[in-house]
N, C-alpha and C. Protein backbone atom coordinates (compact mmCIF):
# COMPACT_ATOMS: atom_id res chain seq x y z
N MET A 1 145.51 56.08 -46.63
CA MET A 1 144.38 56.76 -46.03
C MET A 1 143.79 57.79 -46.98
N ASN A 2 144.61 58.50 -47.73
CA ASN A 2 144.16 59.51 -48.65
C ASN A 2 143.30 58.90 -49.76
N LYS A 3 143.69 57.74 -50.30
CA LYS A 3 142.90 57.07 -51.33
C LYS A 3 141.55 56.64 -50.78
N PHE A 4 141.53 56.20 -49.53
CA PHE A 4 140.29 55.79 -48.89
C PHE A 4 139.31 56.97 -48.80
N MET A 5 139.84 58.14 -48.41
CA MET A 5 138.99 59.32 -48.26
C MET A 5 138.39 59.72 -49.61
N TRP A 6 139.20 59.72 -50.68
CA TRP A 6 138.69 60.08 -52.01
C TRP A 6 137.68 59.05 -52.49
N GLY A 7 137.89 57.80 -52.15
CA GLY A 7 136.92 56.76 -52.51
C GLY A 7 135.58 57.00 -51.83
N CYS A 8 135.60 57.40 -50.56
CA CYS A 8 134.36 57.71 -49.84
C CYS A 8 133.65 58.92 -50.45
N VAL A 9 134.42 59.95 -50.80
CA VAL A 9 133.84 61.15 -51.42
C VAL A 9 133.17 60.78 -52.74
N ALA A 10 133.82 59.95 -53.54
CA ALA A 10 133.26 59.54 -54.83
C ALA A 10 131.99 58.73 -54.63
N LEU A 11 131.96 57.86 -53.62
CA LEU A 11 130.80 57.04 -53.34
C LEU A 11 129.61 57.90 -52.89
N VAL A 12 129.86 58.87 -52.03
CA VAL A 12 128.81 59.79 -51.58
C VAL A 12 128.29 60.60 -52.77
N GLY A 13 129.18 61.06 -53.63
CA GLY A 13 128.78 61.79 -54.83
C GLY A 13 127.90 60.95 -55.74
N LEU A 14 128.19 59.69 -55.86
CA LEU A 14 127.40 58.78 -56.68
C LEU A 14 125.98 58.66 -56.13
N PHE A 15 125.85 58.55 -54.81
CA PHE A 15 124.52 58.45 -54.20
C PHE A 15 123.73 59.74 -54.37
N VAL A 16 124.38 60.89 -54.29
CA VAL A 16 123.70 62.16 -54.46
C VAL A 16 123.16 62.27 -55.88
N VAL A 17 123.96 61.88 -56.87
CA VAL A 17 123.52 61.93 -58.27
C VAL A 17 122.39 60.93 -58.49
N ALA A 18 122.49 59.74 -57.90
CA ALA A 18 121.48 58.71 -58.09
C ALA A 18 120.17 59.07 -57.40
N GLU A 19 120.18 59.96 -56.44
CA GLU A 19 119.00 60.31 -55.68
C GLU A 19 118.28 61.54 -56.22
N SER A 20 118.45 61.88 -57.49
CA SER A 20 117.76 63.03 -58.08
C SER A 20 116.25 62.80 -58.03
N LEU A 21 115.54 63.87 -57.76
CA LEU A 21 114.08 63.81 -57.66
C LEU A 21 113.47 63.68 -59.05
N LYS A 22 112.47 62.82 -59.19
CA LYS A 22 111.75 62.65 -60.44
C LYS A 22 110.38 63.33 -60.29
N CYS A 23 110.02 64.13 -61.28
CA CYS A 23 108.76 64.85 -61.25
C CYS A 23 107.98 64.64 -62.54
N ASN A 24 106.66 64.71 -62.42
CA ASN A 24 105.81 64.74 -63.61
C ASN A 24 105.95 66.12 -64.24
N THR A 25 105.91 66.17 -65.56
CA THR A 25 105.96 67.45 -66.25
C THR A 25 104.72 67.59 -67.13
N CYS A 26 104.28 68.81 -67.27
CA CYS A 26 103.18 69.13 -68.17
C CYS A 26 103.39 70.58 -68.59
N SER A 27 103.70 70.77 -69.85
CA SER A 27 103.95 72.13 -70.35
C SER A 27 102.67 72.93 -70.49
N VAL A 28 101.62 72.28 -70.95
CA VAL A 28 100.33 72.95 -71.13
C VAL A 28 99.23 71.97 -70.73
N GLY A 29 98.39 72.38 -69.79
CA GLY A 29 97.29 71.54 -69.37
C GLY A 29 96.05 72.34 -69.04
N MET A 30 94.90 71.72 -69.22
CA MET A 30 93.61 72.30 -68.85
C MET A 30 92.79 71.20 -68.19
N ALA A 31 92.16 71.54 -67.06
CA ALA A 31 91.35 70.58 -66.31
C ALA A 31 92.23 69.35 -66.03
N SER A 32 91.79 68.16 -66.41
CA SER A 32 92.60 66.96 -66.15
C SER A 32 93.36 66.51 -67.39
N PHE A 33 93.48 67.38 -68.38
CA PHE A 33 94.17 67.04 -69.62
C PHE A 33 95.53 67.71 -69.68
N CYS A 34 96.53 66.95 -70.07
CA CYS A 34 97.87 67.48 -70.28
C CYS A 34 98.20 67.33 -71.76
N PHE A 35 98.57 68.43 -72.40
CA PHE A 35 98.79 68.40 -73.83
C PHE A 35 100.23 68.01 -74.18
N ILE A 36 101.18 68.36 -73.33
CA ILE A 36 102.58 67.99 -73.56
C ILE A 36 103.15 67.60 -72.21
N GLY A 37 103.19 66.30 -71.91
CA GLY A 37 103.63 65.85 -70.59
C GLY A 37 104.54 64.65 -70.63
N SER A 38 105.31 64.48 -69.55
CA SER A 38 106.19 63.33 -69.38
C SER A 38 106.70 63.34 -67.95
N THR A 39 107.87 62.76 -67.71
CA THR A 39 108.54 62.86 -66.41
C THR A 39 109.93 63.42 -66.64
N ALA A 40 110.50 64.02 -65.59
CA ALA A 40 111.83 64.60 -65.69
C ALA A 40 112.59 64.36 -64.40
N GLU A 41 113.90 64.36 -64.51
CA GLU A 41 114.77 64.27 -63.35
C GLU A 41 115.24 65.69 -63.03
N CYS A 42 115.00 66.12 -61.80
CA CYS A 42 115.30 67.50 -61.42
C CYS A 42 116.79 67.72 -61.21
N SER A 43 117.22 68.95 -61.44
CA SER A 43 118.62 69.33 -61.21
C SER A 43 118.77 69.86 -59.79
N THR A 44 119.99 70.10 -59.38
CA THR A 44 120.23 70.64 -58.04
C THR A 44 119.75 72.08 -57.92
N SER A 45 119.66 72.80 -59.03
CA SER A 45 119.17 74.18 -58.98
C SER A 45 117.64 74.24 -58.93
N GLU A 46 116.97 73.16 -59.30
CA GLU A 46 115.51 73.06 -59.23
C GLU A 46 115.16 71.74 -58.55
N PRO A 47 115.33 71.66 -57.22
CA PRO A 47 115.21 70.38 -56.51
C PRO A 47 113.80 70.01 -56.05
N ASN A 48 112.75 70.70 -56.52
CA ASN A 48 111.39 70.43 -56.07
C ASN A 48 110.47 70.13 -57.26
N CYS A 49 109.47 69.29 -57.03
CA CYS A 49 108.40 69.11 -58.00
C CYS A 49 107.39 70.23 -57.76
N PHE A 50 106.74 70.71 -58.83
CA PHE A 50 105.74 71.75 -58.63
C PHE A 50 104.51 71.50 -59.49
N THR A 51 103.42 72.09 -59.06
CA THR A 51 102.20 72.19 -59.84
C THR A 51 101.79 73.65 -59.81
N ALA A 52 101.56 74.24 -60.96
CA ALA A 52 101.12 75.64 -61.04
C ALA A 52 99.77 75.67 -61.72
N GLN A 53 98.91 76.56 -61.24
CA GLN A 53 97.59 76.72 -61.83
C GLN A 53 97.31 78.19 -62.04
N ALA A 54 96.94 78.55 -63.26
CA ALA A 54 96.55 79.92 -63.59
C ALA A 54 95.03 79.94 -63.74
N VAL A 55 94.40 80.82 -62.99
CA VAL A 55 92.94 80.94 -63.02
C VAL A 55 92.59 82.34 -63.48
N PHE A 56 91.73 82.44 -64.49
CA PHE A 56 91.25 83.74 -64.93
C PHE A 56 90.14 84.17 -63.99
N ASN A 57 90.33 85.28 -63.30
CA ASN A 57 89.46 85.70 -62.21
C ASN A 57 88.02 85.98 -62.62
N ALA A 58 87.78 86.52 -63.79
CA ALA A 58 86.43 86.90 -64.20
C ALA A 58 85.52 85.69 -64.40
N THR A 59 86.06 84.60 -64.89
CA THR A 59 85.22 83.45 -65.23
C THR A 59 85.43 82.25 -64.32
N ASN A 60 86.62 82.06 -63.82
CA ASN A 60 87.00 80.86 -63.08
C ASN A 60 86.75 79.58 -63.88
N ILE A 61 86.50 79.72 -65.18
CA ILE A 61 86.24 78.56 -66.03
C ILE A 61 87.53 78.07 -66.67
N LEU A 62 88.30 78.96 -67.23
CA LEU A 62 89.51 78.58 -67.94
C LEU A 62 90.68 78.52 -66.96
N ASN A 63 91.09 77.31 -66.60
CA ASN A 63 92.22 77.09 -65.70
C ASN A 63 93.33 76.39 -66.47
N LEU A 64 94.50 77.01 -66.50
CA LEU A 64 95.65 76.42 -67.16
C LEU A 64 96.58 75.84 -66.10
N LYS A 65 97.23 74.71 -66.41
CA LYS A 65 98.10 74.05 -65.44
C LYS A 65 99.44 73.73 -66.05
N ARG A 66 100.47 73.70 -65.18
CA ARG A 66 101.82 73.27 -65.55
C ARG A 66 102.36 72.43 -64.42
N LYS A 67 103.30 71.53 -64.74
CA LYS A 67 103.99 70.70 -63.76
C LYS A 67 105.44 70.57 -64.17
N GLY A 68 106.32 70.33 -63.20
CA GLY A 68 107.72 70.12 -63.50
C GLY A 68 108.59 70.28 -62.28
N CYS A 69 109.84 70.72 -62.51
CA CYS A 69 110.82 70.96 -61.45
C CYS A 69 110.93 72.46 -61.22
N MET A 70 111.20 72.87 -59.97
CA MET A 70 111.24 74.29 -59.66
C MET A 70 112.25 74.58 -58.55
N ALA A 71 112.82 75.79 -58.61
CA ALA A 71 113.72 76.28 -57.57
C ALA A 71 112.93 76.52 -56.28
N THR A 72 113.56 76.29 -55.15
CA THR A 72 112.90 76.43 -53.85
C THR A 72 112.38 77.85 -53.62
N THR A 73 113.07 78.86 -54.11
CA THR A 73 112.65 80.25 -53.88
C THR A 73 111.32 80.58 -54.55
N LEU A 74 110.92 79.82 -55.57
CA LEU A 74 109.67 80.08 -56.28
C LEU A 74 108.50 79.24 -55.76
N CYS A 75 108.78 78.33 -54.83
CA CYS A 75 107.76 77.42 -54.33
C CYS A 75 106.73 78.13 -53.46
N ASN A 76 105.51 77.59 -53.52
CA ASN A 76 104.40 78.04 -52.67
C ASN A 76 104.19 79.55 -52.73
N THR A 77 104.10 80.04 -53.95
CA THR A 77 103.89 81.47 -54.18
C THR A 77 102.63 81.68 -55.00
N THR A 78 102.10 82.88 -54.90
CA THR A 78 100.94 83.29 -55.69
C THR A 78 101.27 84.62 -56.32
N SER A 79 100.95 84.77 -57.60
CA SER A 79 101.17 86.04 -58.29
C SER A 79 99.95 86.35 -59.15
N THR A 80 99.84 87.61 -59.54
CA THR A 80 98.70 88.04 -60.36
C THR A 80 99.21 88.79 -61.58
N GLY A 81 98.35 88.89 -62.59
CA GLY A 81 98.69 89.62 -63.80
C GLY A 81 97.44 89.80 -64.63
N SER A 82 97.61 90.31 -65.85
CA SER A 82 96.48 90.45 -66.74
C SER A 82 96.93 90.30 -68.19
N ILE A 83 96.02 89.78 -69.00
CA ILE A 83 96.22 89.65 -70.44
C ILE A 83 94.99 90.26 -71.10
N LEU A 84 95.19 91.34 -71.86
CA LEU A 84 94.09 92.01 -72.55
C LEU A 84 92.90 92.27 -71.63
N THR A 85 93.14 92.87 -70.51
CA THR A 85 92.16 93.24 -69.47
C THR A 85 91.57 92.05 -68.72
N ALA A 86 92.00 90.85 -68.98
CA ALA A 86 91.54 89.68 -68.22
C ALA A 86 92.56 89.40 -67.11
N ASP A 87 92.14 89.59 -65.86
CA ASP A 87 93.03 89.35 -64.72
C ASP A 87 93.13 87.85 -64.44
N TYR A 88 94.32 87.43 -63.99
CA TYR A 88 94.52 86.04 -63.64
C TYR A 88 95.38 85.94 -62.38
N THR A 89 95.29 84.79 -61.72
CA THR A 89 96.08 84.48 -60.54
C THR A 89 96.81 83.16 -60.78
N VAL A 90 98.10 83.14 -60.50
CA VAL A 90 98.90 81.93 -60.65
C VAL A 90 99.35 81.47 -59.26
N SER A 91 99.02 80.23 -58.91
CA SER A 91 99.44 79.63 -57.64
C SER A 91 100.41 78.49 -57.95
N GLN A 92 101.54 78.47 -57.26
CA GLN A 92 102.55 77.43 -57.45
C GLN A 92 102.76 76.72 -56.13
N THR A 93 102.61 75.40 -56.13
CA THR A 93 102.85 74.60 -54.93
C THR A 93 103.93 73.57 -55.24
N CYS A 94 104.73 73.27 -54.23
CA CYS A 94 105.85 72.34 -54.41
C CYS A 94 105.76 71.16 -53.44
N CYS A 95 106.46 70.11 -53.80
CA CYS A 95 106.62 68.93 -52.94
C CYS A 95 108.00 68.33 -53.24
N SER A 96 108.43 67.40 -52.42
CA SER A 96 109.83 66.96 -52.56
C SER A 96 110.02 65.45 -52.48
N THR A 97 109.07 64.69 -53.00
CA THR A 97 109.26 63.24 -53.14
C THR A 97 109.00 62.87 -54.60
N ASP A 98 109.52 61.74 -55.03
CA ASP A 98 109.38 61.32 -56.42
C ASP A 98 107.91 61.33 -56.88
N LEU A 99 107.66 62.00 -57.99
CA LEU A 99 106.36 62.04 -58.66
C LEU A 99 105.23 62.53 -57.76
N CYS A 100 105.56 63.36 -56.79
CA CYS A 100 104.57 63.85 -55.82
C CYS A 100 103.64 64.89 -56.39
N ASN A 101 103.93 65.43 -57.57
CA ASN A 101 103.08 66.46 -58.15
C ASN A 101 101.98 65.88 -59.05
N GLY A 102 101.52 64.70 -58.72
CA GLY A 102 100.38 64.10 -59.41
C GLY A 102 100.76 63.37 -60.67
N ALA A 103 99.86 62.56 -61.11
CA ALA A 103 100.10 61.78 -62.32
C ALA A 103 100.07 62.68 -63.55
N VAL A 104 100.77 62.27 -64.58
CA VAL A 104 100.67 62.98 -65.85
C VAL A 104 99.28 62.69 -66.37
N ALA A 105 98.52 63.72 -66.59
CA ALA A 105 97.12 63.57 -67.00
C ALA A 105 97.03 63.04 -68.42
N ILE A 106 95.83 62.78 -68.83
CA ILE A 106 95.56 62.28 -70.19
C ILE A 106 96.16 63.24 -71.20
N GLN A 107 96.89 62.70 -72.16
CA GLN A 107 97.50 63.56 -73.17
C GLN A 107 96.67 63.56 -74.44
N LEU A 108 96.47 64.75 -74.98
CA LEU A 108 95.70 64.92 -76.21
C LEU A 108 96.58 65.53 -77.28
N PRO A 109 96.24 65.30 -78.55
CA PRO A 109 96.98 65.97 -79.63
C PRO A 109 96.80 67.48 -79.51
N LEU A 110 97.78 68.22 -79.98
CA LEU A 110 97.77 69.68 -79.86
C LEU A 110 96.56 70.30 -80.54
N THR A 111 96.12 69.78 -81.68
CA THR A 111 94.97 70.36 -82.37
C THR A 111 93.70 70.23 -81.54
N VAL A 112 93.52 69.11 -80.87
CA VAL A 112 92.36 68.92 -79.99
C VAL A 112 92.46 69.89 -78.81
N ALA A 113 93.66 70.05 -78.27
CA ALA A 113 93.88 70.96 -77.14
C ALA A 113 93.54 72.39 -77.52
N LEU A 114 94.02 72.84 -78.67
CA LEU A 114 93.73 74.20 -79.11
C LEU A 114 92.24 74.39 -79.36
N GLY A 115 91.60 73.40 -79.93
CA GLY A 115 90.16 73.47 -80.16
C GLY A 115 89.39 73.58 -78.86
N ALA A 116 89.77 72.79 -77.86
CA ALA A 116 89.11 72.84 -76.56
C ALA A 116 89.32 74.20 -75.90
N ALA A 117 90.53 74.74 -76.01
CA ALA A 117 90.82 76.05 -75.43
C ALA A 117 89.99 77.13 -76.10
N LEU A 118 89.88 77.08 -77.42
CA LEU A 118 89.09 78.08 -78.13
C LEU A 118 87.60 77.99 -77.77
N VAL A 119 87.08 76.78 -77.64
CA VAL A 119 85.68 76.61 -77.25
C VAL A 119 85.45 77.17 -75.85
N ALA A 120 86.38 76.89 -74.93
CA ALA A 120 86.25 77.38 -73.56
C ALA A 120 86.28 78.91 -73.52
N ILE A 121 87.18 79.49 -74.28
CA ILE A 121 87.28 80.96 -74.32
C ILE A 121 86.05 81.55 -74.98
N TRP A 122 85.60 80.96 -76.10
CA TRP A 122 84.45 81.49 -76.82
C TRP A 122 83.19 81.42 -75.96
N SER A 123 83.04 80.33 -75.19
CA SER A 123 81.83 80.18 -74.37
C SER A 123 81.75 81.22 -73.25
N THR A 124 82.88 81.78 -72.85
CA THR A 124 82.84 82.81 -71.80
C THR A 124 82.37 84.15 -72.34
N PHE A 125 82.44 84.35 -73.66
CA PHE A 125 82.06 85.63 -74.25
C PHE A 125 80.67 85.60 -74.88
N THR A 126 80.02 84.43 -74.94
CA THR A 126 78.70 84.37 -75.57
C THR A 126 77.60 84.22 -74.55
């Protein structure tokens, strides 16, 4: 009976490991472009997929995005901050099914991404 119980525990553990949530990841994104993206398998400490968006309040033009896995305590939160007198708001939303945080957007080379970011920032000051 004891061997049977340990066998059941091992089988349940196997299903728990096999059922890890898969999420889209994007380290740096703007609009519908993701500059560094892929998919990831979430850990037990970060069991949710998330999408975060940072919006600069003065212009609402430059929106930065991230995707990945996140701890439940950080889900569905909004925070504010500022960089060099530019205020921004970061909203984080979570979901809990495979790849529920949207498709990995079009990926561009980093040089194109930096150029687009600089043009967007420059156009807000001219």
